[in-house]
Every structure is written in structure tokens, then in C-alpha cells.
Amino acid sequence: MMRKSEITRTTRETDITVALELDGTGKSSIDTGIPFMNHMLELFAKHGFFDLEVRAKGDIEVDYHHTMEDLGLVLGQALAEALGDKAGIRRYGSCILPMDETLALVALDLSGRPCLVWDVDFPAQMIRDLDVRLFCEFFQALVNRAGMNLHVKKLAGEEVHHVAEAIFKAFAKALDQAVSLDPRVKGVLSTKGSL
């Protein structure tokens, strides 16, 4: 079973294609037009062992908001499609990840019910020219399309770059755990019989 997908979304604001393979090796080819987001998605692929290709053109001369939000939408949709009926997956994943002085907690459930709990106090508002509040917009969009319950919490951290990086790495590790196949799971891991 090949757990992969390719999604394209085109609007008057953005044109985004995401190709995702869940059972990959961590290779990536990323071009979002937003240098720091390229970095975040590259390390997301590497640390989650996902093969990921992203091509995005957005109205970044206006703002990064449309591109960041739509990146979340398309990645979330690609994840949902790659998972299919979710048969055999572990469903839950969590990670507490250190990066120097920073400690990030991510826990998630591929329940089909979108919910984001975002408890992150960034130590600065900008990373270069990227407003860090857009990370919440990205994850909210991703959660909505993927049907994921996601909790993100900063436990410690004084360097804004480290905080963002720790969150994306922890998300990758938690998602890798949740999408992993477990031979003990027959059908889906739910007493309801569906996710």
C-alpha cells in the first residue's frame, strides 16, 4: 500500500502543489517563496521521515498570510488523502523535544475532529520578515483539512528561531508516530469503528 498523495490548490492569491509520501526517507524539495518556511518544512520532512515536495507561488509582495494559511490547507489535505481510511495506524503521537534552551511539546490525535490548542508565547514577533503569529494560522489550516486534534505548547525557550524549529521538529516526530502502522491494529483504532 503506497501511502502518498499529490494535491494542487489554485486561487487568485496562491498556487500550491504538495506531494507527500508518509513512508519515505526524509527527502524534500521545498520552494514556498518564504525562506524560513522552506527551512521549517525541510526539517519537518527530515525528522518525520516523510518525502515531501512543495511548490508555492503566492502574493507574498502583499503579505505572507495567504501563502502560510494555504500551505497549511494543502499539506493537511495531502495528509488526509495519504492516510486514506486510516486502517492500521497508531492514531496518536506525542513528542517533547529539546533544542538548546527551548523545549516544545506536541501531542496529536488523527481523530477526524479538527481542534488546535496553541499555547506558544514567542520571545519575539518576527523571524527576519516573517510574523511568527502566522505559524498558528498555518497549523490551524492544516488541522482543519487533516481532521487532526493538535496541541502545541512551548515549555521553555528564549530564542525565537529555536522555538519555531523545536515546534516543527516535535510535530514531525509526533506525526511520524501517529501515522505509523501497527500490526496489532485491525481496521481503525476506535471503538466506534471509524475515524
C-alpha atoms as a PDB file:
ATOM      1  CA  MET A   1       0.000   0.000   0.000  1.00  0.00           C
ATOM      2  CA  MET A   2       1.510   3.309  -1.105  1.00  0.00           C
ATOM      3  CA  ARG A   3       0.552   5.995   1.362  1.00  0.00           C
ATOM      4  CA  LYS A   4       1.142   9.064  -0.733  1.00  0.00           C
ATOM      5  CA  SER A   5      -0.753  11.910  -2.349  1.00  0.00           C
ATOM      6  CA  GLU A   6      -0.375  14.979  -4.513  1.00  0.00           C
ATOM      7  CA  ILE A   7      -2.650  17.982  -4.083  1.00  0.00           C
ATOM      8  CA  THR A   8      -2.797  21.239  -6.040  1.00  0.00           C
ATOM      9  CA  ARG A   9      -4.776  24.263  -4.930  1.00  0.00           C
ATOM     10  CA  THR A  10      -5.003  27.366  -7.106  1.00  0.00           C
ATOM     11  CA  THR A  11      -6.712  30.617  -6.150  1.00  0.00           C
ATOM     12  CA  ARG A  12      -6.247  34.247  -7.125  1.00  0.00           C
ATOM     13  CA  GLU A  13      -3.872  34.542  -4.140  1.00  0.00           C
ATOM     14  CA  THR A  14      -1.835  31.322  -4.257  1.00  0.00           C
ATOM     15  CA  ASP A  15      -0.889  28.372  -6.451  1.00  0.00           C
ATOM     16  CA  ILE A  16       0.374  25.480  -4.316  1.00  0.00           C
ATOM     17  CA  THR A  17       1.256  21.858  -5.034  1.00  0.00           C
ATOM     18  CA  VAL A  18       2.220  19.416  -2.290  1.00  0.00           C
ATOM     19  CA  ALA A  19       3.375  15.828  -2.876  1.00  0.00           C
ATOM     20  CA  LEU A  20       3.644  13.772   0.309  1.00  0.00           C
ATOM     21  CA  GLU A  21       4.744  10.195   0.967  1.00  0.00           C
ATOM     22  CA  LEU A  22       4.266   9.028   4.540  1.00  0.00           C
ATOM     23  CA  ASP A  23       6.614   6.034   4.289  1.00  0.00           C
ATOM     24  CA  GLY A  24       9.589   7.943   2.996  1.00  0.00           C
ATOM     25  CA  THR A  25      13.172   8.605   3.980  1.00  0.00           C
ATOM     26  CA  GLY A  26      13.014  12.317   4.807  1.00  0.00           C
ATOM     27  CA  LYS A  27      13.967  13.714   1.420  1.00  0.00           C
ATOM     28  CA  SER A  28      12.447  17.029   0.428  1.00  0.00           C
ATOM     29  CA  SER A  29      12.311  19.666  -2.260  1.00  0.00           C
ATOM     30  CA  ILE A  30      10.718  22.836  -0.932  1.00  0.00           C
ATOM     31  CA  ASP A  31      10.062  26.218  -2.535  1.00  0.00           C
ATOM     32  CA  THR A  32       7.417  28.301  -0.788  1.00  0.00           C
ATOM     33  CA  GLY A  33       8.747  31.752  -1.586  1.00  0.00           C
ATOM     34  CA  ILE A  34       9.241  32.204   2.190  1.00  0.00           C
ATOM     35  CA  PRO A  35      12.835  31.250   3.117  1.00  0.00           C
ATOM     36  CA  PHE A  36      12.197  30.443   6.775  1.00  0.00           C
ATOM     37  CA  MET A  37       9.165  28.309   5.914  1.00  0.00           C
ATOM     38  CA  ASN A  38      11.313  26.387   3.421  1.00  0.00           C
ATOM     39  CA  HIS A  39      13.630  25.608   6.330  1.00  0.00           C
ATOM     40  CA  MET A  40      10.747  24.523   8.602  1.00  0.00           C
ATOM     41  CA  LEU A  41       9.229  22.186   6.012  1.00  0.00           C
ATOM     42  CA  GLU A  42      12.621  20.695   5.150  1.00  0.00           C
ATOM     43  CA  LEU A  43      13.249  19.767   8.767  1.00  0.00           C
ATOM     44  CA  PHE A  44       9.640  18.566   9.146  1.00  0.00           C
ATOM     45  CA  ALA A  45      10.274  16.098   6.300  1.00  0.00           C
ATOM     46  CA  LYS A  46      13.702  15.064   7.615  1.00  0.00           C
ATOM     47  CA  HIS A  47      12.651  14.435  11.220  1.00  0.00           C
ATOM     48  CA  GLY A  48       9.339  12.767  10.306  1.00  0.00           C
ATOM     49  CA  PHE A  49      10.880  10.579   7.578  1.00  0.00           C
ATOM     50  CA  PHE A  50       8.334  11.977   5.121  1.00  0.00           C
ATOM     51  CA  ASP A  51       9.176  12.512   1.459  1.00  0.00           C
ATOM     52  CA  LEU A  52       7.849  15.983   0.695  1.00  0.00           C
ATOM     53  CA  GLU A  53       7.746  18.239  -2.337  1.00  0.00           C
ATOM     54  CA  VAL A  54       6.246  21.705  -2.072  1.00  0.00           C
ATOM     55  CA  ARG A  55       5.896  24.314  -4.810  1.00  0.00           C
ATOM     56  CA  ALA A  56       4.128  27.509  -3.818  1.00  0.00           C
ATOM     57  CA  LYS A  57       3.592  30.820  -5.532  1.00  0.00           C
ATOM     58  CA  GLY A  58       1.711  33.372  -3.521  1.00  0.00           C
ATOM     59  CA  ASP A  59       1.060  37.079  -3.313  1.00  0.00           C
ATOM     60  CA  ILE A  60       3.984  37.488  -0.916  1.00  0.00           C
ATOM     61  CA  GLU A  61       4.509  41.035  -2.154  1.00  0.00           C
ATOM     62  CA  VAL A  62       1.260  41.782  -0.287  1.00  0.00           C
ATOM     63  CA  ASP A  63       1.862  39.634   2.801  1.00  0.00           C
ATOM     64  CA  TYR A  64       2.872  36.098   3.784  1.00  0.00           C
ATOM     65  CA  HIS A  65      -0.544  35.374   5.319  1.00  0.00           C
ATOM     66  CA  HIS A  66      -2.282  33.874   2.278  1.00  0.00           C
ATOM     67  CA  THR A  67       0.684  31.642   1.441  1.00  0.00           C
ATOM     68  CA  MET A  68       1.171  30.419   5.017  1.00  0.00           C
ATOM     69  CA  GLU A  69      -2.512  29.629   5.507  1.00  0.00           C
ATOM     70  CA  ASP A  70      -2.852  27.911   2.123  1.00  0.00           C
ATOM     71  CA  LEU A  71       0.311  25.882   2.735  1.00  0.00           C
ATOM     72  CA  GLY A  72      -1.422  24.522   5.826  1.00  0.00           C
ATOM     73  CA  LEU A  73      -4.602  23.769   3.897  1.00  0.00           C
ATOM     74  CA  VAL A  74      -2.817  21.881   1.124  1.00  0.00           C
ATOM     75  CA  LEU A  75      -0.470  19.952   3.427  1.00  0.00           C
ATOM     76  CA  GLY A  76      -3.423  18.995   5.630  1.00  0.00           C
ATOM     77  CA  GLN A  77      -5.401  17.786   2.628  1.00  0.00           C
ATOM     78  CA  ALA A  78      -2.395  15.842   1.334  1.00  0.00           C
ATOM     79  CA  LEU A  79      -2.015  14.181   4.739  1.00  0.00           C
ATOM     80  CA  ALA A  80      -5.699  13.223   4.863  1.00  0.00           C
ATOM     81  CA  GLU A  81      -5.557  11.745   1.362  1.00  0.00           C
ATOM     82  CA  ALA A  82      -2.327   9.829   2.026  1.00  0.00           C
ATOM     83  CA  LEU A  83      -3.846   8.325   5.187  1.00  0.00           C
ATOM     84  CA  GLY A  84      -6.950   7.096   3.364  1.00  0.00           C
ATOM     85  CA  ASP A  85      -9.265   5.238   5.767  1.00  0.00           C
ATOM     86  CA  LYS A  86      -6.534   5.263   8.478  1.00  0.00           C
ATOM     87  CA  ALA A  87      -6.651   1.489   8.819  1.00  0.00           C
ATOM     88  CA  GLY A  88      -3.788   0.115  10.897  1.00  0.00           C
ATOM     89  CA  ILE A  89      -2.329   3.424  12.122  1.00  0.00           C
ATOM     90  CA  ARG A  90      -1.348   4.129  15.715  1.00  0.00           C
ATOM     91  CA  ARG A  91      -3.540   7.288  15.566  1.00  0.00           C
ATOM     92  CA  TYR A  92      -1.874   9.109  18.483  1.00  0.00           C
ATOM     93  CA  GLY A  93       1.540  10.699  18.662  1.00  0.00           C
ATOM     94  CA  SER A  94       3.447  12.968  21.018  1.00  0.00           C
ATOM     95  CA  CYS A  95       6.889  14.428  21.457  1.00  0.00           C
ATOM     96  CA  ILE A  96       8.657  16.656  23.961  1.00  0.00           C
ATOM     97  CA  LEU A  97      11.604  17.984  22.022  1.00  0.00           C
ATOM     98  CA  PRO A  98      14.592  19.983  23.292  1.00  0.00           C
ATOM     99  CA  MET A  99      16.572  22.395  21.171  1.00  0.00           C
ATOM    100  CA  ASP A 100      19.240  24.141  23.215  1.00  0.00           C
ATOM    101  CA  GLU A 101      17.341  26.289  25.753  1.00  0.00           C
ATOM    102  CA  THR A 102      13.978  25.548  24.112  1.00  0.00           C
ATOM    103  CA  LEU A 103      11.565  22.764  24.990  1.00  0.00           C
ATOM    104  CA  ALA A 104       8.439  22.158  22.885  1.00  0.00           C
ATOM    105  CA  LEU A 105       5.567  19.767  23.466  1.00  0.00           C
ATOM    106  CA  VAL A 106       3.379  18.468  20.628  1.00  0.00           C
ATOM    107  CA  ALA A 107       0.607  15.897  21.023  1.00  0.00           C
ATOM    108  CA  LEU A 108      -1.872  14.885  18.347  1.00  0.00           C
ATOM    109  CA  ASP A 109      -4.742  12.575  17.524  1.00  0.00           C
ATOM    110  CA  LEU A 110      -5.743  11.741  13.940  1.00  0.00           C
ATOM    111  CA  SER A 111      -9.337  11.543  15.131  1.00  0.00           C
ATOM    112  CA  GLY A 112     -11.093  13.193  12.208  1.00  0.00           C
ATOM    113  CA  ARG A 113     -12.124  16.011  14.561  1.00  0.00           C
ATOM    114  CA  PRO A 114     -10.206  19.242  13.926  1.00  0.00           C
ATOM    115  CA  CYS A 115      -9.069  21.086  17.035  1.00  0.00           C
ATOM    116  CA  LEU A 116      -5.954  23.192  17.614  1.00  0.00           C
ATOM    117  CA  VAL A 117      -4.794  24.163  21.087  1.00  0.00           C
ATOM    118  CA  TRP A 118      -1.938  26.633  20.595  1.00  0.00           C
ATOM    119  CA  ASP A 119      -0.075  27.674  23.751  1.00  0.00           C
ATOM    120  CA  VAL A 120       3.045  29.321  22.361  1.00  0.00           C
ATOM    121  CA  ASP A 121       4.483  32.583  23.626  1.00  0.00           C
ATOM    122  CA  PHE A 122       7.167  33.509  21.114  1.00  0.00           C
ATOM    123  CA  PRO A 123      10.016  35.607  22.576  1.00  0.00           C
ATOM    124  CA  ALA A 124       9.904  37.926  19.524  1.00  0.00           C
ATOM    125  CA  GLN A 125       7.260  38.761  16.938  1.00  0.00           C
ATOM    126  CA  MET A 126       9.412  38.447  13.826  1.00  0.00           C
ATOM    127  CA  ILE A 127      11.881  35.990  12.343  1.00  0.00           C
ATOM    128  CA  ARG A 128      13.523  38.079   9.662  1.00  0.00           C
ATOM    129  CA  ASP A 129      10.420  39.323   7.775  1.00  0.00           C
ATOM    130  CA  LEU A 130       8.062  36.551   8.908  1.00  0.00           C
ATOM    131  CA  ASP A 131       5.471  37.329  11.587  1.00  0.00           C
ATOM    132  CA  VAL A 132       5.550  34.351  13.979  1.00  0.00           C
ATOM    133  CA  ARG A 133       1.772  34.623  14.511  1.00  0.00           C
ATOM    134  CA  LEU A 134       1.418  33.087  11.050  1.00  0.00           C
ATOM    135  CA  PHE A 135       2.621  29.729  12.389  1.00  0.00           C
ATOM    136  CA  CYS A 136      -0.657  29.437  14.299  1.00  0.00           C
ATOM    137  CA  GLU A 137      -2.547  30.238  11.072  1.00  0.00           C
ATOM    138  CA  PHE A 138      -0.563  27.542   9.244  1.00  0.00           C
ATOM    139  CA  PHE A 139      -1.278  24.887  11.857  1.00  0.00           C
ATOM    140  CA  GLN A 140      -4.955  25.866  12.181  1.00  0.00           C
ATOM    141  CA  ALA A 141      -5.429  25.426   8.441  1.00  0.00           C
ATOM    142  CA  LEU A 142      -3.537  22.118   8.491  1.00  0.00           C
ATOM    143  CA  VAL A 143      -5.612  20.808  11.404  1.00  0.00           C
ATOM    144  CA  ASN A 144      -8.866  21.787   9.701  1.00  0.00           C
ATOM    145  CA  ARG A 145      -8.067  19.930   6.474  1.00  0.00           C
ATOM    146  CA  ALA A 146      -6.355  16.926   8.064  1.00  0.00           C
ATOM    147  CA  GLY A 147      -9.060  16.372  10.681  1.00  0.00           C
ATOM    148  CA  MET A 148      -6.490  16.380  13.452  1.00  0.00           C
ATOM    149  CA  ASN A 149      -6.560  17.237  17.140  1.00  0.00           C
ATOM    150  CA  LEU A 150      -3.258  19.059  17.779  1.00  0.00           C
ATOM    151  CA  HIS A 151      -1.830  20.508  20.971  1.00  0.00           C
ATOM    152  CA  VAL A 152       1.292  22.670  20.725  1.00  0.00           C
ATOM    153  CA  LYS A 153       2.912  24.120  23.839  1.00  0.00           C
ATOM    154  CA  LYS A 154       6.162  25.965  24.448  1.00  0.00           C
ATOM    155  CA  LEU A 155       7.587  24.725  27.749  1.00  0.00           C
ATOM    156  CA  ALA A 156      10.759  26.852  27.586  1.00  0.00           C
ATOM    157  CA  GLY A 157      12.582  28.997  25.086  1.00  0.00           C
ATOM    158  CA  GLU A 158      14.247  32.399  24.743  1.00  0.00           C
ATOM    159  CA  GLU A 159      15.396  32.325  21.092  1.00  0.00           C
ATOM    160  CA  VAL A 160      12.573  32.744  18.578  1.00  0.00           C
ATOM    161  CA  HIS A 161      14.233  30.675  15.842  1.00  0.00           C
ATOM    162  CA  HIS A 162      14.752  27.790  18.270  1.00  0.00           C
ATOM    163  CA  VAL A 163      11.120  27.913  19.396  1.00  0.00           C
ATOM    164  CA  ALA A 164       9.793  27.642  15.831  1.00  0.00           C
ATOM    165  CA  GLU A 165      12.265  24.915  14.925  1.00  0.00           C
ATOM    166  CA  ALA A 166      11.538  22.866  18.034  1.00  0.00           C
ATOM    167  CA  ILE A 167       7.792  23.034  17.289  1.00  0.00           C
ATOM    168  CA  PHE A 168       8.190  21.806  13.710  1.00  0.00           C
ATOM    169  CA  LYS A 169      10.584  19.030  14.735  1.00  0.00           C
ATOM    170  CA  ALA A 170       8.282  17.905  17.561  1.00  0.00           C
ATOM    171  CA  PHE A 171       5.323  17.987  15.172  1.00  0.00           C
ATOM    172  CA  ALA A 172       7.245  15.818  12.716  1.00  0.00           C
ATOM    173  CA  LYS A 173       8.169  13.254  15.377  1.00  0.00           C
ATOM    174  CA  ALA A 174       4.622  13.130  16.792  1.00  0.00           C
ATOM    175  CA  LEU A 175       3.062  12.789  13.341  1.00  0.00           C
ATOM    176  CA  ASP A 176       5.534  10.066  12.343  1.00  0.00           C
ATOM    177  CA  GLN A 177       4.450   8.144  15.429  1.00  0.00           C
ATOM    178  CA  ALA A 178       0.721   8.652  14.760  1.00  0.00           C
ATOM    179  CA  VAL A 179       0.791   7.608  11.089  1.00  0.00           C
ATOM    180  CA  SER A 180       2.968   4.550  11.778  1.00  0.00           C
ATOM    181  CA  LEU A 181       1.347   1.216  11.070  1.00  0.00           C
ATOM    182  CA  ASP A 182       0.892  -1.173  13.979  1.00  0.00           C
ATOM    183  CA  PRO A 183       0.156  -4.810  13.087  1.00  0.00           C
ATOM    184  CA  ARG A 184      -1.932  -5.131  16.255  1.00  0.00           C
ATOM    185  CA  VAL A 185      -4.431  -2.559  14.963  1.00  0.00           C
ATOM    186  CA  LYS A 186      -7.166  -4.276  12.984  1.00  0.00           C
ATOM    187  CA  GLY A 187      -9.141  -1.720  10.993  1.00  0.00           C
ATOM    188  CA  VAL A 188      -9.003   1.595  12.849  1.00  0.00           C
ATOM    189  CA  LEU A 189      -8.076   2.271  16.473  1.00  0.00           C
ATOM    190  CA  SER A 190     -11.531   3.281  17.646  1.00  0.00           C
ATOM    191  CA  THR A 191     -14.391   1.567  19.447  1.00  0.00           C
ATOM    192  CA  LYS A 192     -16.692   3.398  17.027  1.00  0.00           C
ATOM    193  CA  GLY A 193     -15.233   1.539  14.062  1.00  0.00           C
ATOM    194  CA  SER A 194     -14.282   4.656  12.097  1.00  0.00           C
ATOM    195  CA  LEU A 195     -12.181   7.784  12.389  1.00  0.00           C
END
